[in-house]
Amino acid sequence: MDKTPSNETKLQRQQHEQQEKKWALIQTIQQEFKKGKKKAELAREFNLDPRTITKYIQYTGRPIPVKRKRKRQTDGFHEQIEQLERDANTVKQIYEHIRENGYTGTLSGVRITIESIRKEQKLQESFLGNIE
């Protein structure tokens, strides 16, 4: 098993472990298929859809995890939230302001968006600090 960086978050560690388990399962299925087991038999044994078994058999390397970006209710207000954040408004003030402009989501949705904006800004600042 690969060494994982110690600076990973708990979620990243869990995702990495899940990928390792999946890769081990794929390799096991490929070995069993090469030994002569039928796809339907493997599907029953591993409790997977036969189409998944076919997909796993066709892999030639590790599957590349695809991270999907979820659509958020705050997406239409992102620039506005960024500007209000730069103007040093509190989360509550930003929430009230965008509610007046048609936002129908929750305060926690706004808070999460602001946290990601702050995190992004912090990363950019540390990156720029390392360049100089």
N, C-alpha and C. Protein backbone atom coordinates (compact mmCIF):
# COMPACT_ATOMS: atom_id res chain seq x y z
N MET A 1 0.84 -1.18 0.00
CA MET A 1 0.00 0.00 0.00
C MET A 1 0.88 1.24 0.00
N ASP A 2 0.45 2.26 -0.72
CA ASP A 2 1.22 3.51 -0.82
C ASP A 2 1.26 4.22 0.52
N LYS A 3 2.33 4.97 0.74
CA LYS A 3 2.42 5.82 1.92
C LYS A 3 1.58 7.06 1.66
N THR A 4 0.74 7.43 2.61
CA THR A 4 -0.07 8.63 2.46
C THR A 4 0.59 9.76 3.21
N PRO A 5 0.56 10.97 2.65
CA PRO A 5 1.16 12.11 3.35
C PRO A 5 0.48 12.34 4.69
N SER A 6 1.27 12.69 5.71
CA SER A 6 0.72 12.88 7.05
C SER A 6 -0.09 14.16 7.17
N ASN A 7 0.00 15.04 6.18
CA ASN A 7 -0.76 16.29 6.25
C ASN A 7 -2.15 16.17 5.63
N GLU A 8 -2.59 14.95 5.34
CA GLU A 8 -3.93 14.74 4.80
C GLU A 8 -4.98 14.92 5.89
N THR A 9 -6.15 15.37 5.49
CA THR A 9 -7.25 15.46 6.43
C THR A 9 -7.84 14.07 6.64
N LYS A 10 -8.69 13.93 7.65
CA LYS A 10 -9.33 12.65 7.93
C LYS A 10 -10.13 12.18 6.72
N LEU A 11 -10.85 13.10 6.09
CA LEU A 11 -11.66 12.76 4.91
C LEU A 11 -10.76 12.28 3.78
N GLN A 12 -9.64 12.96 3.54
CA GLN A 12 -8.72 12.56 2.48
C GLN A 12 -8.14 11.17 2.76
N ARG A 13 -7.81 10.90 4.03
CA ARG A 13 -7.30 9.57 4.40
C ARG A 13 -8.35 8.50 4.13
N GLN A 14 -9.60 8.79 4.50
CA GLN A 14 -10.68 7.83 4.27
C GLN A 14 -10.88 7.59 2.79
N GLN A 15 -10.83 8.65 2.00
CA GLN A 15 -11.00 8.51 0.55
C GLN A 15 -9.86 7.67 -0.04
N HIS A 16 -8.64 7.92 0.44
CA HIS A 16 -7.48 7.18 -0.05
C HIS A 16 -7.61 5.69 0.30
N GLU A 17 -8.03 5.40 1.55
CA GLU A 17 -8.23 4.01 1.97
C GLU A 17 -9.31 3.34 1.12
N GLN A 18 -10.38 4.09 0.82
CA GLN A 18 -11.47 3.56 0.00
C GLN A 18 -10.97 3.24 -1.42
N GLN A 19 -10.13 4.10 -1.97
CA GLN A 19 -9.56 3.86 -3.29
C GLN A 19 -8.67 2.62 -3.29
N GLU A 20 -7.90 2.46 -2.21
CA GLU A 20 -7.03 1.27 -2.09
C GLU A 20 -7.87 0.00 -2.03
N LYS A 21 -8.97 0.02 -1.26
CA LYS A 21 -9.86 -1.15 -1.16
C LYS A 21 -10.47 -1.47 -2.52
N LYS A 22 -10.89 -0.43 -3.23
CA LYS A 22 -11.50 -0.63 -4.54
C LYS A 22 -10.49 -1.24 -5.51
N TRP A 23 -9.26 -0.74 -5.47
CA TRP A 23 -8.23 -1.25 -6.36
C TRP A 23 -7.94 -2.72 -6.05
N ALA A 24 -7.89 -3.06 -4.76
CA ALA A 24 -7.66 -4.45 -4.36
C ALA A 24 -8.80 -5.34 -4.86
N LEU A 25 -10.04 -4.85 -4.76
CA LEU A 25 -11.20 -5.60 -5.24
C LEU A 25 -11.11 -5.81 -6.76
N ILE A 26 -10.74 -4.76 -7.48
CA ILE A 26 -10.62 -4.86 -8.94
C ILE A 26 -9.58 -5.91 -9.31
N GLN A 27 -8.45 -5.89 -8.63
CA GLN A 27 -7.39 -6.86 -8.92
C GLN A 27 -7.84 -8.29 -8.62
N THR A 28 -8.57 -8.46 -7.52
CA THR A 28 -9.09 -9.79 -7.15
C THR A 28 -10.05 -10.28 -8.23
N ILE A 29 -10.95 -9.41 -8.67
CA ILE A 29 -11.93 -9.79 -9.71
C ILE A 29 -11.20 -10.16 -11.00
N GLN A 30 -10.19 -9.38 -11.37
CA GLN A 30 -9.43 -9.67 -12.60
C GLN A 30 -8.73 -11.03 -12.50
N GLN A 31 -8.16 -11.33 -11.33
CA GLN A 31 -7.47 -12.61 -11.13
C GLN A 31 -8.45 -13.78 -11.22
N GLU A 32 -9.60 -13.64 -10.57
CA GLU A 32 -10.61 -14.70 -10.60
C GLU A 32 -11.13 -14.92 -12.02
N PHE A 33 -11.28 -13.84 -12.77
CA PHE A 33 -11.76 -13.95 -14.15
C PHE A 33 -10.72 -14.68 -15.01
N LYS A 34 -9.44 -14.37 -14.78
CA LYS A 34 -8.36 -15.04 -15.53
C LYS A 34 -8.30 -16.53 -15.20
N LYS A 35 -8.69 -16.87 -13.97
CA LYS A 35 -8.69 -18.29 -13.56
C LYS A 35 -9.84 -19.06 -14.21
N GLY A 36 -10.80 -18.31 -14.81
CA GLY A 36 -11.87 -18.98 -15.53
C GLY A 36 -13.27 -18.78 -14.99
N LYS A 37 -13.41 -17.99 -13.95
CA LYS A 37 -14.77 -17.74 -13.43
C LYS A 37 -15.55 -16.87 -14.39
N LYS A 38 -16.83 -17.14 -14.50
CA LYS A 38 -17.70 -16.36 -15.39
C LYS A 38 -18.09 -15.05 -14.72
N LYS A 39 -18.43 -14.06 -15.54
CA LYS A 39 -18.81 -12.73 -15.04
C LYS A 39 -20.02 -12.81 -14.11
N ALA A 40 -21.01 -13.60 -14.49
CA ALA A 40 -22.22 -13.72 -13.67
C ALA A 40 -21.90 -14.32 -12.30
N GLU A 41 -20.99 -15.28 -12.31
CA GLU A 41 -20.56 -15.93 -11.07
C GLU A 41 -19.84 -14.90 -10.17
N LEU A 42 -18.97 -14.11 -10.77
CA LEU A 42 -18.26 -13.07 -10.01
C LEU A 42 -19.23 -12.02 -9.47
N ALA A 43 -20.22 -11.68 -10.28
CA ALA A 43 -21.22 -10.69 -9.86
C ALA A 43 -21.96 -11.17 -8.61
N ARG A 44 -22.34 -12.44 -8.60
CA ARG A 44 -23.02 -13.00 -7.43
C ARG A 44 -22.08 -13.06 -6.22
N GLU A 45 -20.87 -13.50 -6.46
CA GLU A 45 -19.90 -13.67 -5.38
C GLU A 45 -19.55 -12.34 -4.69
N PHE A 46 -19.38 -11.29 -5.48
CA PHE A 46 -18.99 -9.99 -4.93
C PHE A 46 -20.17 -9.05 -4.74
N ASN A 47 -21.37 -9.54 -5.04
CA ASN A 47 -22.59 -8.74 -4.88
C ASN A 47 -22.51 -7.43 -5.67
N LEU A 48 -22.09 -7.54 -6.94
CA LEU A 48 -21.97 -6.39 -7.82
C LEU A 48 -22.77 -6.64 -9.09
N ASP A 49 -23.13 -5.57 -9.76
CA ASP A 49 -23.83 -5.66 -11.04
C ASP A 49 -22.86 -6.26 -12.07
N PRO A 50 -23.36 -7.12 -12.96
CA PRO A 50 -22.49 -7.70 -13.99
C PRO A 50 -21.78 -6.65 -14.86
N ARG A 51 -22.45 -5.51 -15.05
CA ARG A 51 -21.80 -4.45 -15.84
C ARG A 51 -20.60 -3.87 -15.10
N THR A 52 -20.68 -3.82 -13.77
CA THR A 52 -19.55 -3.35 -12.97
C THR A 52 -18.41 -4.35 -13.07
N ILE A 53 -18.73 -5.64 -13.03
CA ILE A 53 -17.71 -6.68 -13.18
C ILE A 53 -17.00 -6.52 -14.53
N THR A 54 -17.77 -6.31 -15.59
CA THR A 54 -17.19 -6.11 -16.92
C THR A 54 -16.27 -4.90 -16.93
N LYS A 55 -16.71 -3.83 -16.32
CA LYS A 55 -15.90 -2.61 -16.26
C LYS A 55 -14.59 -2.87 -15.50
N TYR A 56 -14.69 -3.56 -14.37
CA TYR A 56 -13.50 -3.84 -13.56
C TYR A 56 -12.52 -4.75 -14.31
N ILE A 57 -13.03 -5.69 -15.07
CA ILE A 57 -12.18 -6.61 -15.83
C ILE A 57 -11.41 -5.85 -16.91
N GLN A 58 -12.02 -4.82 -17.46
CA GLN A 58 -11.40 -4.07 -18.56
C GLN A 58 -10.36 -3.05 -18.09
N TYR A 59 -10.31 -2.74 -16.79
CA TYR A 59 -9.32 -1.79 -16.29
C TYR A 59 -7.91 -2.34 -16.53
N THR A 60 -7.01 -1.45 -16.98
CA THR A 60 -5.62 -1.84 -17.16
C THR A 60 -4.73 -1.19 -16.10
N GLY A 61 -5.26 -0.23 -15.39
CA GLY A 61 -4.53 0.44 -14.31
C GLY A 61 -5.50 0.89 -13.26
N ARG A 62 -4.99 1.63 -12.30
CA ARG A 62 -5.86 2.15 -11.23
C ARG A 62 -6.92 3.08 -11.80
N PRO A 63 -8.15 2.97 -11.30
CA PRO A 63 -9.17 3.92 -11.75
C PRO A 63 -8.86 5.32 -11.20
N ILE A 64 -9.10 6.32 -12.00
CA ILE A 64 -8.85 7.69 -11.59
C ILE A 64 -10.11 8.22 -10.92
N PRO A 65 -10.01 8.61 -9.64
CA PRO A 65 -11.21 9.11 -8.96
C PRO A 65 -11.66 10.44 -9.56
N VAL A 66 -12.96 10.54 -9.79
CA VAL A 66 -13.52 11.75 -10.37
C VAL A 66 -14.26 12.51 -9.28
N LYS A 67 -13.84 13.71 -9.03
CA LYS A 67 -14.51 14.52 -8.02
C LYS A 67 -15.51 15.42 -8.74
N ARG A 68 -16.75 15.24 -8.42
CA ARG A 68 -17.80 16.04 -9.04
C ARG A 68 -18.05 17.29 -8.21
N LYS A 69 -18.18 18.41 -8.90
CA LYS A 69 -18.48 19.65 -8.20
C LYS A 69 -20.00 19.75 -8.07
N ARG A 70 -20.44 19.82 -6.84
CA ARG A 70 -21.87 19.93 -6.59
C ARG A 70 -22.34 21.34 -6.85
N LYS A 71 -23.57 21.42 -7.33
CA LYS A 71 -24.17 22.73 -7.54
C LYS A 71 -24.69 23.21 -6.19
N ARG A 72 -24.38 24.45 -5.86
CA ARG A 72 -24.82 25.02 -4.59
C ARG A 72 -25.79 26.16 -4.83
N GLN A 73 -26.63 26.40 -3.84
CA GLN A 73 -27.59 27.50 -3.96
C GLN A 73 -26.86 28.84 -4.00
N THR A 74 -25.65 28.89 -3.45
CA THR A 74 -24.90 30.15 -3.42
C THR A 74 -24.15 30.42 -4.73
N ASP A 75 -24.13 29.47 -5.67
CA ASP A 75 -23.36 29.64 -6.90
C ASP A 75 -23.70 30.92 -7.66
N GLY A 76 -24.95 31.28 -7.74
CA GLY A 76 -25.34 32.49 -8.46
C GLY A 76 -24.96 33.78 -7.75
N PHE A 77 -24.53 33.66 -6.51
CA PHE A 77 -24.21 34.84 -5.70
C PHE A 77 -22.72 34.89 -5.34
N HIS A 78 -21.91 34.03 -5.95
CA HIS A 78 -20.51 33.88 -5.55
C HIS A 78 -19.71 35.19 -5.63
N GLU A 79 -19.82 35.89 -6.76
CA GLU A 79 -19.06 37.15 -6.90
C GLU A 79 -19.52 38.18 -5.86
N GLN A 80 -20.81 38.23 -5.65
CA GLN A 80 -21.38 39.16 -4.67
C GLN A 80 -20.88 38.82 -3.26
N ILE A 81 -20.86 37.54 -2.94
CA ILE A 81 -20.38 37.10 -1.63
C ILE A 81 -18.90 37.44 -1.47
N GLU A 82 -18.11 37.19 -2.53
CA GLU A 82 -16.68 37.52 -2.47
C GLU A 82 -16.46 39.00 -2.21
N GLN A 83 -17.22 39.84 -2.92
CA GLN A 83 -17.07 41.29 -2.75
C GLN A 83 -17.45 41.71 -1.34
N LEU A 84 -18.56 41.20 -0.84
CA LEU A 84 -19.00 41.53 0.51
C LEU A 84 -17.98 41.03 1.55
N GLU A 85 -17.37 39.90 1.30
CA GLU A 85 -16.34 39.36 2.20
C GLU A 85 -15.12 40.28 2.20
N ARG A 86 -14.73 40.75 1.01
CA ARG A 86 -13.59 41.69 0.91
C ARG A 86 -13.89 43.00 1.63
N ASP A 87 -15.16 43.38 1.66
CA ASP A 87 -15.56 44.62 2.34
C ASP A 87 -15.71 44.41 3.85
N ALA A 88 -15.25 43.28 4.36
CA ALA A 88 -15.22 42.96 5.79
C ALA A 88 -16.60 42.86 6.44
N ASN A 89 -17.57 42.35 5.70
CA ASN A 89 -18.89 42.09 6.27
C ASN A 89 -18.86 40.76 7.01
N THR A 90 -19.71 40.62 8.00
CA THR A 90 -19.81 39.35 8.72
C THR A 90 -20.64 38.38 7.88
N VAL A 91 -20.60 37.11 8.25
CA VAL A 91 -21.38 36.09 7.54
C VAL A 91 -22.86 36.45 7.59
N LYS A 92 -23.33 36.85 8.75
CA LYS A 92 -24.74 37.22 8.93
C LYS A 92 -25.12 38.41 8.03
N GLN A 93 -24.24 39.42 7.97
CA GLN A 93 -24.51 40.58 7.12
C GLN A 93 -24.56 40.18 5.65
N ILE A 94 -23.63 39.32 5.24
CA ILE A 94 -23.61 38.86 3.85
C ILE A 94 -24.89 38.08 3.54
N TYR A 95 -25.28 37.22 4.47
CA TYR A 95 -26.50 36.43 4.32
C TYR A 95 -27.71 37.33 4.14
N GLU A 96 -27.85 38.33 5.02
CA GLU A 96 -28.99 39.25 4.94
C GLU A 96 -28.98 40.00 3.61
N HIS A 97 -27.80 40.43 3.18
CA HIS A 97 -27.69 41.20 1.93
C HIS A 97 -28.11 40.37 0.72
N ILE A 98 -27.62 39.13 0.63
CA ILE A 98 -27.99 38.34 -0.56
C ILE A 98 -29.43 37.83 -0.48
N ARG A 99 -29.98 37.71 0.74
CA ARG A 99 -31.40 37.35 0.86
C ARG A 99 -32.26 38.44 0.25
N GLU A 100 -31.85 39.70 0.46
CA GLU A 100 -32.57 40.82 -0.14
C GLU A 100 -32.51 40.77 -1.66
N ASN A 101 -31.46 40.12 -2.19
CA ASN A 101 -31.29 40.03 -3.64
C ASN A 101 -31.76 38.71 -4.23
N GLY A 102 -32.56 37.94 -3.46
CA GLY A 102 -33.19 36.75 -4.02
C GLY A 102 -32.64 35.41 -3.58
N TYR A 103 -31.65 35.38 -2.72
CA TYR A 103 -31.11 34.11 -2.23
C TYR A 103 -32.15 33.44 -1.32
N THR A 104 -32.39 32.15 -1.55
CA THR A 104 -33.41 31.44 -0.77
C THR A 104 -32.80 30.33 0.08
N GLY A 105 -31.48 30.21 0.07
CA GLY A 105 -30.82 29.14 0.81
C GLY A 105 -30.65 29.45 2.28
N THR A 106 -29.82 28.65 2.93
CA THR A 106 -29.63 28.76 4.37
C THR A 106 -28.39 29.59 4.72
N LEU A 107 -28.34 30.00 5.98
CA LEU A 107 -27.19 30.72 6.50
C LEU A 107 -25.95 29.82 6.46
N SER A 108 -26.12 28.55 6.78
CA SER A 108 -24.97 27.64 6.78
C SER A 108 -24.39 27.47 5.38
N GLY A 109 -25.23 27.53 4.36
CA GLY A 109 -24.74 27.47 2.99
C GLY A 109 -23.85 28.66 2.67
N VAL A 110 -24.24 29.83 3.15
CA VAL A 110 -23.43 31.04 2.96
C VAL A 110 -22.13 30.91 3.75
N ARG A 111 -22.23 30.42 4.98
CA ARG A 111 -21.04 30.25 5.83
C ARG A 111 -20.03 29.31 5.18
N ILE A 112 -20.50 28.22 4.62
CA ILE A 112 -19.61 27.25 3.96
C ILE A 112 -18.94 27.89 2.74
N THR A 113 -19.69 28.67 1.98
CA THR A 113 -19.12 29.35 0.82
C THR A 113 -18.05 30.34 1.25
N ILE A 114 -18.32 31.09 2.31
CA ILE A 114 -17.36 32.07 2.81
C ILE A 114 -16.11 31.37 3.34
N GLU A 115 -16.28 30.23 4.01
CA GLU A 115 -15.13 29.47 4.50
C GLU A 115 -14.25 29.03 3.35
N SER A 116 -14.86 28.58 2.26
CA SER A 116 -14.06 28.14 1.10
C SER A 116 -13.37 29.32 0.45
N ILE A 117 -14.01 30.48 0.42
CA ILE A 117 -13.38 31.69 -0.14
C ILE A 117 -12.17 32.08 0.71
N ARG A 118 -12.34 32.06 2.03
CA ARG A 118 -11.24 32.40 2.94
C ARG A 118 -10.08 31.41 2.82
N LYS A 119 -10.42 30.14 2.69
CA LYS A 119 -9.39 29.11 2.55
C LYS A 119 -8.60 29.32 1.26
N GLU A 120 -9.33 29.63 0.19
CA GLU A 120 -8.70 29.89 -1.10
C GLU A 120 -7.77 31.09 -1.02
N GLN A 121 -8.24 32.17 -0.36
CA GLN A 121 -7.43 33.37 -0.20
C GLN A 121 -6.17 33.08 0.61
N LYS A 122 -6.31 32.27 1.65
CA LYS A 122 -5.18 31.92 2.50
C LYS A 122 -4.14 31.13 1.69
N LEU A 123 -4.61 30.21 0.87
CA LEU A 123 -3.71 29.43 0.03
C LEU A 123 -2.97 30.32 -0.96
N GLN A 124 -3.69 31.27 -1.57
CA GLN A 124 -3.07 32.20 -2.51
C GLN A 124 -2.03 33.06 -1.82
N GLU A 125 -2.35 33.53 -0.61
CA GLU A 125 -1.42 34.36 0.14
C GLU A 125 -0.16 33.58 0.50
N SER A 126 -0.32 32.33 0.93
CA SER A 126 0.85 31.53 1.29
C SER A 126 1.66 31.18 0.05
N PHE A 127 0.99 30.95 -1.07
CA PHE A 127 1.67 30.66 -2.31
C PHE A 127 2.47 31.86 -2.77
N LEU A 128 1.85 33.04 -2.73
CA LEU A 128 2.54 34.28 -3.12
C LEU A 128 3.68 34.60 -2.15
N GLY A 129 3.50 34.28 -0.88
CA GLY A 129 4.55 34.51 0.11
C GLY A 129 5.76 33.62 -0.15
N ASN A 130 5.53 32.41 -0.66
CA ASN A 130 6.63 31.49 -0.95
C ASN A 130 7.40 31.91 -2.20
N ILE A 131 6.74 32.61 -3.12
CA ILE A 131 7.40 33.04 -4.36
C ILE A 131 8.38 34.17 -4.09
N GLU A 132 7.99 35.07 -3.21
CA GLU A 132 8.83 36.25 -2.95
C GLU A 132 10.07 35.92 -2.16
